Structures are given as C-alpha cells and as structure tokens.
C-alpha atoms as a PDB file:
ATOM      1  CA  PRO A   1      -0.103  -0.018   0.041  1.00  0.00           C
ATOM      2  CA  GLN A   2       1.336   3.522  -0.728  1.00  0.00           C
ATOM      3  CA  ARG A   3       1.210   6.150   1.565  1.00  0.00           C
ATOM      4  CA  HIS A   4       2.584   9.739   1.390  1.00  0.00           C
ATOM      5  CA  PRO A   5       5.035  10.183   3.813  1.00  0.00           C
ATOM      6  CA  LEU A   6       3.581  13.652   5.071  1.00  0.00           C
ATOM      7  CA  ALA A   7       0.205  11.941   5.351  1.00  0.00           C
ATOM      8  CA  GLY A   8       0.028  12.716   8.756  1.00  0.00           C
ATOM      9  CA  SER A   9       1.768  16.056   9.019  1.00  0.00           C
ATOM     10  CA  LEU A  10       0.381  19.484   9.443  1.00  0.00           C
ATOM     11  CA  TRP A  11       1.762  20.221   6.224  1.00  0.00           C
ATOM     12  CA  ALA A  12      -0.984  17.863   4.401  1.00  0.00           C
ATOM     13  CA  GLN A  13      -3.707  19.794   6.152  1.00  0.00           C
ATOM     14  CA  GLN A  14      -2.110  23.224   5.854  1.00  0.00           C
ATOM     15  CA  PRO A  15      -0.105  23.149   2.590  1.00  0.00           C
ATOM     16  CA  GLN A  16       0.305  26.797   2.926  1.00  0.00           C
ATOM     17  CA  ARG A  17       3.032  25.679   5.717  1.00  0.00           C
ATOM     18  CA  LEU A  18       4.925  23.696   3.433  1.00  0.00           C
ATOM     19  CA  GLU A  19       5.270  26.301   1.079  1.00  0.00           C
ATOM     20  CA  GLN A  20       6.352  28.816   3.502  1.00  0.00           C
ATOM     21  CA  TRP A  21       9.160  26.189   4.504  1.00  0.00           C
ATOM     22  CA  LEU A  22      10.003  25.223   1.039  1.00  0.00           C
ATOM     23  CA  ARG A  23      10.510  28.985   0.394  1.00  0.00           C
ATOM     24  CA  GLY A  24      12.622  29.543   3.380  1.00  0.00           C
ATOM     25  CA  LEU A  25      15.191  26.780   1.857  1.00  0.00           C
ATOM     26  CA  GLU A  26      15.001  28.847  -1.323  1.00  0.00           C
ATOM     27  CA  GLU A  27      16.485  31.878   0.499  1.00  0.00           C
ATOM     28  CA  ASP A  28      18.936  29.755   2.628  1.00  0.00           C
ATOM     29  CA  ASP A  29      19.559  26.236   1.497  1.00  0.00           C
ATOM     30  CA  ARG A  30      22.546  25.678   3.793  1.00  0.00           C
ATOM     31  CA  PRO A  31      20.948  23.295   6.323  1.00  0.00           C
ATOM     32  CA  LEU A  32      19.773  21.090   3.315  1.00  0.00           C
ATOM     33  CA  ARG A  33      23.091  21.298   1.599  1.00  0.00           C
ATOM     34  CA  GLU A  34      25.048  20.491   5.087  1.00  0.00           C
ATOM     35  CA  TRP A  35      22.589  17.410   5.369  1.00  0.00           C
ATOM     36  CA  LEU A  36      23.165  16.233   1.876  1.00  0.00           C
ATOM     37  CA  ALA A  37      26.840  16.651   2.331  1.00  0.00           C
ATOM     38  CA  LYS A  38      27.166  14.023   4.603  1.00  0.00           C
ATOM     39  CA  LEU A  39      25.480  11.352   2.221  1.00  0.00           C
ATOM     40  CA  GLY A  40      28.597   9.162   1.079  1.00  0.00           C
ATOM     41  CA  SER A  41      26.699   7.634  -1.948  1.00  0.00           C
ATOM     42  CA  ARG A  42      26.294   9.285  -5.433  1.00  0.00           C
ATOM     43  CA  ARG A  43      22.988   6.745  -6.050  1.00  0.00           C
ATOM     44  CA  LEU A  44      19.779   8.795  -7.017  1.00  0.00           C
ATOM     45  CA  GLY A  45      17.873   6.399  -4.561  1.00  0.00           C
ATOM     46  CA  HIS A  46      20.040   7.358  -1.673  1.00  0.00           C
ATOM     47  CA  TYR A  47      19.901  10.992  -2.749  1.00  0.00           C
ATOM     48  CA  TYR A  48      15.972  10.674  -2.561  1.00  0.00           C
ATOM     49  CA  GLU A  49      15.920   8.924   0.532  1.00  0.00           C
ATOM     50  CA  ARG A  50      18.016  11.612   2.239  1.00  0.00           C
ATOM     51  CA  LEU A  51      15.788  14.539   0.813  1.00  0.00           C
ATOM     52  CA  TRP A  52      12.721  12.857   2.315  1.00  0.00           C
ATOM     53  CA  GLN A  53      14.600  12.067   5.902  1.00  0.00           C
ATOM     54  CA  PHE A  54      15.490  15.790   5.731  1.00  0.00           C
ATOM     55  CA  ALA A  55      12.026  16.869   5.384  1.00  0.00           C
ATOM     56  CA  LEU A  56      10.329  14.660   7.752  1.00  0.00           C
ATOM     57  CA  GLY A  57      12.751  15.597  10.434  1.00  0.00           C
ATOM     58  CA  GLN A  58      11.139  19.276   9.972  1.00  0.00           C
ATOM     59  CA  ALA A  59       7.661  18.250   9.343  1.00  0.00           C
ATOM     60  CA  PRO A  60       5.106  19.507  12.440  1.00  0.00           C
ATOM     61  CA  GLY A  61       3.342  16.178  13.630  1.00  0.00           C
ATOM     62  CA  VAL A  62       6.002  13.725  12.626  1.00  0.00           C
ATOM     63  CA  GLU A  63       8.577  12.243  14.591  1.00  0.00           C
ATOM     64  CA  LEU A  64      10.977  10.719  12.597  1.00  0.00           C
ATOM     65  CA  LEU A  65      12.325   7.655  14.688  1.00  0.00           C
ATOM     66  CA  ALA A  66      15.081   6.261  12.671  1.00  0.00           C
ATOM     67  CA  ALA A  67      16.391   6.228   9.002  1.00  0.00           C
ATOM     68  CA  ASN A  68      18.092   3.426   7.449  1.00  0.00           C
ATOM     69  CA  LEU A  69      17.613   1.418  10.476  1.00  0.00           C
ATOM     70  CA  ALA A  70      19.648  -1.826   9.878  1.00  0.00           C
ATOM     71  CA  ILE A  71      18.002  -5.306  10.502  1.00  0.00           C
ATOM     72  CA  ARG A  72      20.566  -7.985  11.350  1.00  0.00           C
ATOM     73  CA  ASP A  73      20.565 -11.669  12.426  1.00  0.00           C
ATOM     74  CA  GLY A  74      23.706 -11.882  14.178  1.00  0.00           C
ATOM     75  CA  GLY A  75      26.666 -10.598  11.861  1.00  0.00           C
ATOM     76  CA  HIS A  76      24.583 -10.971   9.098  1.00  0.00           C
ATOM     77  CA  THR A  77      22.296  -7.741   7.906  1.00  0.00           C
ATOM     78  CA  LEU A  78      18.998  -9.015   6.708  1.00  0.00           C
ATOM     79  CA  GLY A  79      18.203  -5.363   5.294  1.00  0.00           C
ATOM     80  CA  GLU A  80      17.122  -1.965   6.348  1.00  0.00           C
ATOM     81  CA  LEU A  81      13.963   0.065   7.224  1.00  0.00           C
ATOM     82  CA  ASP A  82      14.242   3.232   5.076  1.00  0.00           C
ATOM     83  CA  VAL A  83      12.413   5.219   7.578  1.00  0.00           C
ATOM     84  CA  LEU A  84      10.215   4.838  11.035  1.00  0.00           C
ATOM     85  CA  LEU A  85       8.246   7.510  11.879  1.00  0.00           C
ATOM     86  CA  ARG A  86       5.791   8.443  14.058  1.00  0.00           C
ATOM     87  CA  ASP A  87       2.545  10.770  13.462  1.00  0.00           C
ATOM     88  CA  GLY A  88      -1.100  10.745  14.286  1.00  0.00           C
ATOM     89  CA  ASP A  89      -2.016   7.743  12.659  1.00  0.00           C
ATOM     90  CA  GLY A  90       0.511   5.636  14.655  1.00  0.00           C
ATOM     91  CA  VAL A  91       4.130   4.100  13.987  1.00  0.00           C
ATOM     92  CA  HIS A  92       4.993   3.764  10.174  1.00  0.00           C
ATOM     93  CA  HIS A  93       7.640   1.737   8.432  1.00  0.00           C
ATOM     94  CA  LEU A  94       7.960   3.603   5.182  1.00  0.00           C
ATOM     95  CA  GLU A  95       9.879   2.499   2.254  1.00  0.00           C
ATOM     96  CA  LEU A  96      11.043   4.968  -0.437  1.00  0.00           C
ATOM     97  CA  ALA A  97      12.092   4.487  -3.799  1.00  0.00           C
ATOM     98  CA  ILE A  98      12.479   6.693  -6.971  1.00  0.00           C
ATOM     99  CA  LYS A  99      12.803   4.946 -10.469  1.00  0.00           C
ATOM    100  CA  LEU A 100      12.103   5.738 -14.079  1.00  0.00           C
ATOM    101  CA  TYR A 101      10.486   3.154 -16.513  1.00  0.00           C
ATOM    102  CA  LEU A 102      10.415   3.096 -20.171  1.00  0.00           C
ATOM    103  CA  GLY A 103       7.452   1.056 -21.325  1.00  0.00           C
ATOM    104  CA  PRO A 104       7.185  -1.618 -24.139  1.00  0.00           C
ATOM    105  CA  GLU A 105       5.861  -0.980 -27.688  1.00  0.00           C
ATOM    106  CA  GLY A 106       2.610  -2.672 -26.931  1.00  0.00           C
ATOM    107  CA  ALA A 107       0.062  -3.093 -24.260  1.00  0.00           C
ATOM    108  CA  GLY A 108       1.966  -1.910 -21.033  1.00  0.00           C
ATOM    109  CA  HIS A 109      -0.508  -3.356 -18.557  1.00  0.00           C
ATOM    110  CA  ASP A 110       2.056  -6.054 -17.348  1.00  0.00           C
ATOM    111  CA  PRO A 111       4.607  -4.192 -14.887  1.00  0.00           C
ATOM    112  CA  HIS A 112       7.460  -6.526 -15.729  1.00  0.00           C
ATOM    113  CA  THR A 113       7.241  -5.055 -19.318  1.00  0.00           C
ATOM    114  CA  TRP A 114       8.617  -1.834 -17.843  1.00  0.00           C
ATOM    115  CA  LEU A 115      12.554  -1.623 -17.959  1.00  0.00           C
ATOM    116  CA  GLY A 116      14.947   0.945 -16.610  1.00  0.00           C
ATOM    117  CA  PRO A 117      17.043   2.756 -19.007  1.00  0.00           C
ATOM    118  CA  GLY A 118      19.742   0.822 -18.399  1.00  0.00           C
ATOM    119  CA  CYS A 119      17.601  -2.745 -18.894  1.00  0.00           C
ATOM    120  CA  HIS A 120      18.790  -4.010 -15.655  1.00  0.00           C
ATOM    121  CA  ASP A 121      15.415  -3.916 -13.564  1.00  0.00           C
ATOM    122  CA  ARG A 122      11.748  -4.028 -14.151  1.00  0.00           C
ATOM    123  CA  LEU A 123       8.934  -2.265 -12.507  1.00  0.00           C
ATOM    124  CA  GLY A 124       7.257  -5.611 -12.161  1.00  0.00           C
ATOM    125  CA  THR A 125      10.627  -6.977 -10.056  1.00  0.00           C
ATOM    126  CA  LYS A 126      10.877  -3.764  -8.074  1.00  0.00           C
ATOM    127  CA  LEU A 127       7.043  -4.006  -6.933  1.00  0.00           C
ATOM    128  CA  ALA A 128       7.740  -7.958  -6.353  1.00  0.00           C
ATOM    129  CA  HIS A 129      10.637  -6.965  -3.908  1.00  0.00           C
ATOM    130  CA  LEU A 130       8.915  -4.294  -2.207  1.00  0.00           C
ATOM    131  CA  ALA A 131       5.895  -6.456  -1.571  1.00  0.00           C
ATOM    132  CA  GLY A 132       7.952  -9.723  -0.740  1.00  0.00           C
ATOM    133  CA  HIS A 133      10.862  -8.462   1.006  1.00  0.00           C
ATOM    134  CA  GLN A 134      11.196  -5.164   1.959  1.00  0.00           C
ATOM    135  CA  LEU A 135       7.701  -4.147   3.437  1.00  0.00           C
ATOM    136  CA  PRO A 136       7.388  -7.411   5.470  1.00  0.00           C
ATOM    137  CA  MET A 137      10.513  -6.979   7.263  1.00  0.00           C
ATOM    138  CA  SER A 138       9.317  -4.887  10.127  1.00  0.00           C
ATOM    139  CA  LYS A 139       6.927  -7.690  11.063  1.00  0.00           C
ATOM    140  CA  GLY A 140       9.813 -10.198  11.497  1.00  0.00           C
ATOM    141  CA  ALA A 141      11.118 -11.329  14.616  1.00  0.00           C
ATOM    142  CA  HIS A 142      14.760  -9.796  14.054  1.00  0.00           C
ATOM    143  CA  SER A 143      13.097  -6.300  13.371  1.00  0.00           C
ATOM    144  CA  ARG A 144      10.724  -6.952  16.438  1.00  0.00           C
ATOM    145  CA  GLN A 145      13.833  -6.839  18.717  1.00  0.00           C
ATOM    146  CA  VAL A 146      14.954  -3.643  17.333  1.00  0.00           C
ATOM    147  CA  LEU A 147      11.710  -2.058  17.269  1.00  0.00           C
ATOM    148  CA  VAL A 148      11.007  -2.858  20.956  1.00  0.00           C
ATOM    149  CA  GLN A 149      14.354  -0.787  21.871  1.00  0.00           C
ATOM    150  CA  LEU A 150      12.832   2.217  20.240  1.00  0.00           C
ATOM    151  CA  GLY A 151       9.687   1.760  22.551  1.00  0.00           C
ATOM    152  CA  VAL A 152       7.707   0.540  19.528  1.00  0.00           C
ATOM    153  CA  GLU A 153       5.158  -1.797  19.298  1.00  0.00           C
ATOM    154  CA  GLN A 154       2.813  -1.925  16.709  1.00  0.00           C
ATOM    155  CA  VAL A 155       3.728  -0.672  13.124  1.00  0.00           C
ATOM    156  CA  GLN A 156       2.204  -0.212   9.999  1.00  0.00           C
ATOM    157  CA  ALA A 157       4.419  -1.060   6.727  1.00  0.00           C
ATOM    158  CA  HIS A 158       3.901   1.442   3.322  1.00  0.00           C
ATOM    159  CA  MET A 159       5.799   2.054   0.345  1.00  0.00           C
ATOM    160  CA  TRP A 160       6.028   5.485  -1.474  1.00  0.00           C
ATOM    161  CA  LEU A 161       7.251   4.848  -5.128  1.00  0.00           C
ATOM    162  CA  GLY A 162       8.010   8.120  -6.826  1.00  0.00           C
ATOM    163  CA  GLY A 163       9.074   8.498 -10.254  1.00  0.00           C
ATOM    164  CA  TYR A 164       8.499   8.852 -14.163  1.00  0.00           C
ATOM    165  CA  LEU A 165       6.829   6.455 -16.489  1.00  0.00           C
ATOM    166  CA  PHE A 166       8.122   7.130 -20.377  1.00  0.00           C
ATOM    167  CA  TYR A 167       5.856   5.959 -23.134  1.00  0.00           C
ATOM    168  CA  PRO A 168       7.510   4.850 -26.676  1.00  0.00           C
ATOM    169  CA  TRP A 169       7.349   7.380 -29.574  1.00  0.00           C
ATOM    170  CA  PRO A 170       6.315   6.914 -32.167  1.00  0.00           C
ATOM    171  CA  GLY A 171       4.105   4.356 -30.976  1.00  0.00           C
ATOM    172  CA  HIS A 172       1.694   3.618 -27.918  1.00  0.00           C
ATOM    173  CA  ALA A 173       1.483   1.973 -24.707  1.00  0.00           C
ATOM    174  CA  GLU A 174      -0.996   1.285 -22.086  1.00  0.00           C
ATOM    175  CA  ALA A 175      -0.186   2.469 -18.376  1.00  0.00           C
ATOM    176  CA  PRO A 176       0.997  -0.109 -15.819  1.00  0.00           C
ATOM    177  CA  ASP A 177      -1.678  -1.704 -13.994  1.00  0.00           C
ATOM    178  CA  ARG A 178      -2.387  -0.109 -10.848  1.00  0.00           C
ATOM    179  CA  ALA A 179      -0.436   3.085 -11.699  1.00  0.00           C
ATOM    180  CA  ASN A 180      -1.595   6.534 -10.344  1.00  0.00           C
ATOM    181  CA  PRO A 181      -3.676   7.940 -13.526  1.00  0.00           C
ATOM    182  CA  GLN A 182      -1.567  11.367 -12.505  1.00  0.00           C
ATOM    183  CA  HIS A 183       1.780   9.860 -12.631  1.00  0.00           C
ATOM    184  CA  LEU A 184       4.286  12.120 -14.031  1.00  0.00           C
ATOM    185  CA  ARG A 185       5.477  10.989 -17.397  1.00  0.00           C
ATOM    186  CA  GLY A 186       7.611  11.546 -20.469  1.00  0.00           C
ATOM    187  CA  ARG A 187       8.290   9.797 -23.842  1.00  0.00           C
ATOM    188  CA  TRP A 188      11.335   7.793 -25.103  1.00  0.00           C
ATOM    189  CA  LEU A 189      12.527   7.209 -28.500  1.00  0.00           C
ATOM    190  CA  ARG A 190      15.644   5.906 -30.554  1.00  0.00           C
ATOM    191  CA  ARG A 191      18.200   7.757 -32.055  1.00  0.00           C
ATOM    192  CA  ARG A 192      17.157   7.232 -35.673  1.00  0.00           C
ATOM    193  CA  ASP A 193      13.379   8.800 -34.652  1.00  0.00           C
ATOM    194  CA  TRP A 194      15.154  11.903 -33.244  1.00  0.00           C
ATOM    195  CA  VAL A 195      13.724  15.027 -35.041  1.00  0.00           C
ATOM    196  CA  MET A 196      14.177  18.075 -33.274  1.00  0.00           C
ATOM    197  CA  GLY A 197      11.300  21.042 -34.016  1.00  0.00           C
ATOM    198  CA  GLU A 198      12.033  24.543 -35.178  1.00  0.00           C
ATOM    199  CA  GLY A 199      12.742  26.921 -32.362  1.00  0.00           C
ATOM    200  CA  GLU A 200      12.837  24.023 -29.644  1.00  0.00           C
ATOM    201  CA  ARG A 201      15.428  24.257 -26.736  1.00  0.00           C
ATOM    202  CA  TRP A 202      16.653  20.438 -25.857  1.00  0.00           C
ATOM    203  CA  GLN A 203      19.631  19.726 -23.678  1.00  0.00           C
ATOM    204  CA  PRO A 204      20.652  16.881 -21.438  1.00  0.00           C
ATOM    205  CA  LEU A 205      19.568  16.693 -17.709  1.00  0.00           C
ATOM    206  CA  PRO A 206      22.364  15.583 -15.081  1.00  0.00           C
ATOM    207  CA  ARG A 207      21.558  12.716 -13.207  1.00  0.00           C
ATOM    208  CA  HIS A 208      21.153  15.043  -9.876  1.00  0.00           C
ATOM    209  CA  ALA A 209      18.581  16.859 -11.537  1.00  0.00           C
ATOM    210  CA  TRP A 210      16.346  14.223 -12.660  1.00  0.00           C
ATOM    211  CA  LEU A 211      14.033  14.217  -9.275  1.00  0.00           C
ATOM    212  CA  ALA A 212      12.344  17.741 -10.339  1.00  0.00           C
ATOM    213  CA  PRO A 213      11.140  19.633 -13.222  1.00  0.00           C
ATOM    214  CA  ALA A 214      14.532  21.429 -14.725  1.00  0.00           C
ATOM    215  CA  ARG A 215      14.470  25.086 -14.242  1.00  0.00           C
ATOM    216  CA  VAL A 216      17.681  26.505 -16.129  1.00  0.00           C
ATOM    217  CA  GLU A 217      18.700  30.367 -15.834  1.00  0.00           C
ATOM    218  CA  SER A 218      18.865  32.160 -19.288  1.00  0.00           C
ATOM    219  CA  ALA A 219      22.709  31.926 -19.506  1.00  0.00           C
ATOM    220  CA  GLU A 220      22.990  27.995 -18.964  1.00  0.00           C
ATOM    221  CA  CYS A 221      20.272  27.469 -21.755  1.00  0.00           C
ATOM    222  CA  TRP A 222      21.673  25.800 -24.719  1.00  0.00           C
ATOM    223  CA  GLN A 223      21.295  27.112 -28.294  1.00  0.00           C
ATOM    224  CA  ALA A 224      20.285  24.747 -30.936  1.00  0.00           C
ATOM    225  CA  GLU A 225      23.360  24.456 -32.418  1.00  0.00           C
ATOM    226  CA  HIS A 226      24.965  23.829 -28.810  1.00  0.00           C
ATOM    227  CA  PHE A 227      22.747  20.778 -28.446  1.00  0.00           C
ATOM    228  CA  ALA A 228      23.140  19.639 -32.460  1.00  0.00           C
ATOM    229  CA  ALA A 229      27.207  19.662 -31.492  1.00  0.00           C
ATOM    230  CA  TRP A 230      26.563  17.503 -28.652  1.00  0.00           C
ATOM    231  CA  LEU A 231      24.027  15.068 -30.338  1.00  0.00           C
ATOM    232  CA  HIS A 232      26.639  14.817 -33.352  1.00  0.00           C
ATOM    233  CA  VAL A 233      29.479  13.674 -30.784  1.00  0.00           C
ATOM    234  CA  LEU A 234      27.314  11.169 -28.626  1.00  0.00           C
ATOM    235  CA  GLU A 235      28.163   7.743 -29.422  1.00  0.00           C
ATOM    236  CA  GLN A 236      25.699   5.597 -30.917  1.00  0.00           C
ATOM    237  CA  GLN A 237      25.810   2.985 -28.232  1.00  0.00           C
ATOM    238  CA  ALA A 238      26.013   5.573 -25.728  1.00  0.00           C
ATOM    239  CA  PRO A 239      23.716   4.817 -22.528  1.00  0.00           C
ATOM    240  CA  ALA A 240      20.013   6.356 -22.559  1.00  0.00           C
ATOM    241  CA  GLN A 241      20.275  10.045 -22.185  1.00  0.00           C
ATOM    242  CA  LEU A 242      17.680  11.894 -20.127  1.00  0.00           C
ATOM    243  CA  LEU A 243      16.612  15.118 -22.392  1.00  0.00           C
ATOM    244  CA  VAL A 244      14.462  17.832 -21.473  1.00  0.00           C
ATOM    245  CA  ARG A 245      12.834  20.589 -23.690  1.00  0.00           C
ATOM    246  CA  LEU A 246      12.560  23.926 -22.012  1.00  0.00           C
ATOM    247  CA  GLU A 247      10.333  26.969 -22.705  1.00  0.00           C
ATOM    248  CA  PRO A 248      10.961  30.603 -21.344  1.00  0.00           C
ATOM    249  CA  ASP A 249       9.107  31.853 -18.333  1.00  0.00           C
ATOM    250  CA  ALA A 250       7.847  34.969 -17.047  1.00  0.00           C
ATOM    251  CA  ASP A 251      10.958  35.462 -15.036  1.00  0.00           C
ATOM    252  CA  GLY A 252      13.464  34.865 -17.977  1.00  0.00           C
ATOM    253  CA  ALA A 253      14.361  31.656 -16.962  1.00  0.00           C
ATOM    254  CA  TRP A 254      13.635  28.351 -19.101  1.00  0.00           C
ATOM    255  CA  GLN A 255      11.362  25.728 -17.636  1.00  0.00           C
ATOM    256  CA  GLU A 256      10.749  22.207 -18.361  1.00  0.00           C
ATOM    257  CA  ALA A 257       7.994  21.697 -20.956  1.00  0.00           C
ATOM    258  CA  GLU A 258       8.681  17.918 -21.227  1.00  0.00           C
ATOM    259  CA  ARG A 259      11.380  15.142 -21.071  1.00  0.00           C
ATOM    260  CA  VAL A 260      12.368  12.404 -23.002  1.00  0.00           C
ATOM    261  CA  PHE A 261      14.781   9.313 -22.915  1.00  0.00           C
ATOM    262  CA  LEU A 262      17.110   9.083 -26.263  1.00  0.00           C
ATOM    263  CA  VAL A 263      18.410   5.480 -26.545  1.00  0.00           C
ATOM    264  CA  ALA A 264      20.320   3.632 -29.019  1.00  0.00           C
ATOM    265  CA  ASP A 265      18.716   2.205 -32.002  1.00  0.00           C
ATOM    266  CA  ASP A 266      19.383  -1.546 -30.874  1.00  0.00           C
ATOM    267  CA  TRP A 267      17.731  -0.596 -27.356  1.00  0.00           C
ATOM    268  CA  PRO A 268      16.392  -2.439 -25.068  1.00  0.00           C
ATOM    269  CA  TYR A 269      19.489  -4.744 -24.355  1.00  0.00           C
ATOM    270  CA  LEU A 270      17.979  -7.967 -23.184  1.00  0.00           C
ATOM    271  CA  PRO A 271      19.230 -11.621 -23.574  1.00  0.00           C
ATOM    272  CA  GLY A 272      18.449 -13.108 -26.904  1.00  0.00           C
ATOM    273  CA  HIS A 273      17.071  -9.616 -28.432  1.00  0.00           C
END
C-alpha cells in the first residue's frame, strides 16, 4: 500500500505552511546542503531517501524515529528499514524508492514489461521485491527486537514509489496496472527517430537533477547549435540520455516543458533480443 510520507503531517492539512518552509529553503539552503553533504553515496535512490529524511525531520506532526535502520541476524545484515516515523495515525515503516521506467511498444499493462533505461531492472520486479521482502521486514522477529528497543510495539508498513513512466514514441503503450492516473510521464525514442522541431530548445539533464522539473537560467540554456554539436559527438551506443525541452517563463529563466529518454537504435539490451 502506498502512503505519502507527509500524510500525517500538519503540512498535509495546511499546505501553505509547507510552501513557507520550502520558500525559506530557497532563501537559505545551507541546512539542506549540509545535510546532503553527509551522504557518501552518489546513487539517485540514496539521494531521494536523504531528501525525504530531511523533510520528515522538519515536518510538524511527524517524529522521525529512525532512518536506514539496519536489521541483523547476528553478524548478517538482513536489510534496512528506510524510515520509521510516528504521526497521529501511529508508527509507520516506510520504504522509499525513486524509479524511471520505459514502457514497451505494446500493451504495457504488465509491470514486468517496463524497463529501467539501462535494462537492469523492471517495474514488476521492483514491486515484487517491495511487497515480498522490504515491506514485511518490519514484521519479522529480528525487527521486533530492534523496534522494542525504540519503544515501538505496533507498526504499519507502507511504500512511497515516486518517479516517471516514459512512453514509446512513435507508438503507444497503456499504463501499467494500478499506476496512478496522474503519474509523471515522458517519452522515449531511438536515435533514428529523433527530430528536433524548429525553434525548440533541448539539453541533457544531469542525473542529480532528474527528480524535479528542470529550471535553467537563461545563460545556461543551450542554443540549438550547442545541442546539435553535443548530439553529433554522442556515441551511437551511449547509455540512455535524459533530455528536456525548455520554454521561457515570465522570470526570464527556462522551464521544463517535457522530458524524453533518447536511447540507442538497438535498445533494449536483453538476452536474445
């Protein structure tokens, strides 16, 4: 079951307070930068977890009891509980994940047909791992020992799986079963199908910027010639590239209008494909 991490926070009932907090971070982001500086890993998923942990530590009505809580059997680590929090609805074990999956050139209802850009994982596999391993972990005997030490007797397990689903172009795919109808989406296409419209502004999005809609200052927005030169030297077998199309806003900056994964002509890389 999905549960928003802030569902039990006053921020959920009074979103203007959340907006005030976010605007305060825009004016002075040093606390967040210092928090993120402690993160040793460069993996996007760990970065995502760290952002949520920072927010939950500040959220009114939420008590962050533990983060990345290791569950061990003797000297063997069985896994971790991403977040353990207490709010007005009780104590919650929350598993957090951020994923980007590319849909099949076909029906798409089966989550196992949605692939990560590197073809190393599938949406169906991730969901099965969450449901079969990560979420039940807080109910196990080894977890109970750790939870009792934290003064926790009853715990509810939930997940929060964020990210984007990318649909084939040209072509069509249905959304995977049980996907939120309002999920974030983009397109994917092969190099041979790439056509850039007249006057459009495109540029690659760095991995650390994948989580939020892109906003680029005018001086950092690529001209069409810059993008064409970048694409010309990009290897034909380069890993999937996340591109954003930018449009100017009223402030003079450029905002993301859409995002596209550009993949090699022989993508996907699957055994026997």
